């Protein structure tokens, strides 16, 4: 278990940018309808 945690820490240290981009894309994909509704409301001045 300790080796697993060490490997996980190493993975995050070396690939944190890639992990962040993947999480960001997943977040934007799942909340696309909310983002689109917000943009359309702002565009129409509501």
Protein backbone atom coordinates (compact mmCIF):
# COMPACT_ATOMS: atom_id res chain seq x y z
CA UNK A 1 0.00 0.00 0.00
CA UNK A 2 2.86 2.36 0.80
CA UNK A 3 4.44 1.69 -2.59
CA UNK A 4 1.11 2.44 -4.27
CA UNK A 5 0.92 5.83 -2.55
CA UNK A 6 4.50 6.63 -3.53
CA UNK A 7 3.75 5.73 -7.14
CA UNK A 8 0.61 7.85 -7.06
CA UNK A 9 2.50 10.85 -5.68
CA UNK A 10 5.15 10.46 -8.38
CA UNK A 11 2.48 10.24 -11.07
CA UNK A 12 0.79 13.42 -9.87
CA UNK A 13 4.10 15.29 -9.57
CA UNK A 14 5.17 14.44 -13.10
CA UNK A 15 1.84 14.65 -14.93
CA UNK A 16 -0.14 17.25 -13.00
CA UNK A 17 -0.70 19.42 -16.09
CA UNK A 18 -2.21 16.55 -18.07
CA UNK A 19 -4.40 15.50 -15.16
CA UNK A 20 -5.59 19.10 -14.75
CA UNK A 21 -6.46 19.41 -18.44
CA UNK A 22 -8.41 16.13 -18.38
CA UNK A 23 -10.37 17.21 -15.29
CA UNK A 24 -11.06 20.61 -16.85
CA UNK A 25 -12.34 19.08 -20.09
CA UNK A 26 -14.58 16.65 -18.20
CA UNK A 27 -15.95 19.50 -16.06
CA UNK A 28 -16.66 21.70 -19.08
CA UNK A 29 -18.27 18.78 -20.94
CA UNK A 30 -20.59 17.91 -18.05
CA UNK A 31 -21.62 21.52 -17.37
CA UNK A 32 -21.88 22.56 -21.02
CA UNK A 33 -25.63 23.23 -20.85
CA UNK A 34 -25.23 25.52 -17.82
CA UNK A 35 -22.36 27.40 -19.47
CA UNK A 36 -24.31 27.75 -22.71
CA UNK A 37 -27.39 29.01 -20.85
CA UNK A 38 -25.27 31.56 -18.99
CA UNK A 39 -23.68 32.85 -22.17
CA UNK A 40 -27.02 33.11 -23.93
CA UNK A 41 -28.56 34.95 -20.94
CA UNK A 42 -25.65 37.40 -20.87
CA UNK A 43 -25.83 37.88 -24.65
CA UNK A 44 -29.52 38.75 -24.50
CA UNK A 45 -29.03 41.02 -21.50
CA UNK A 46 -31.05 39.13 -18.91
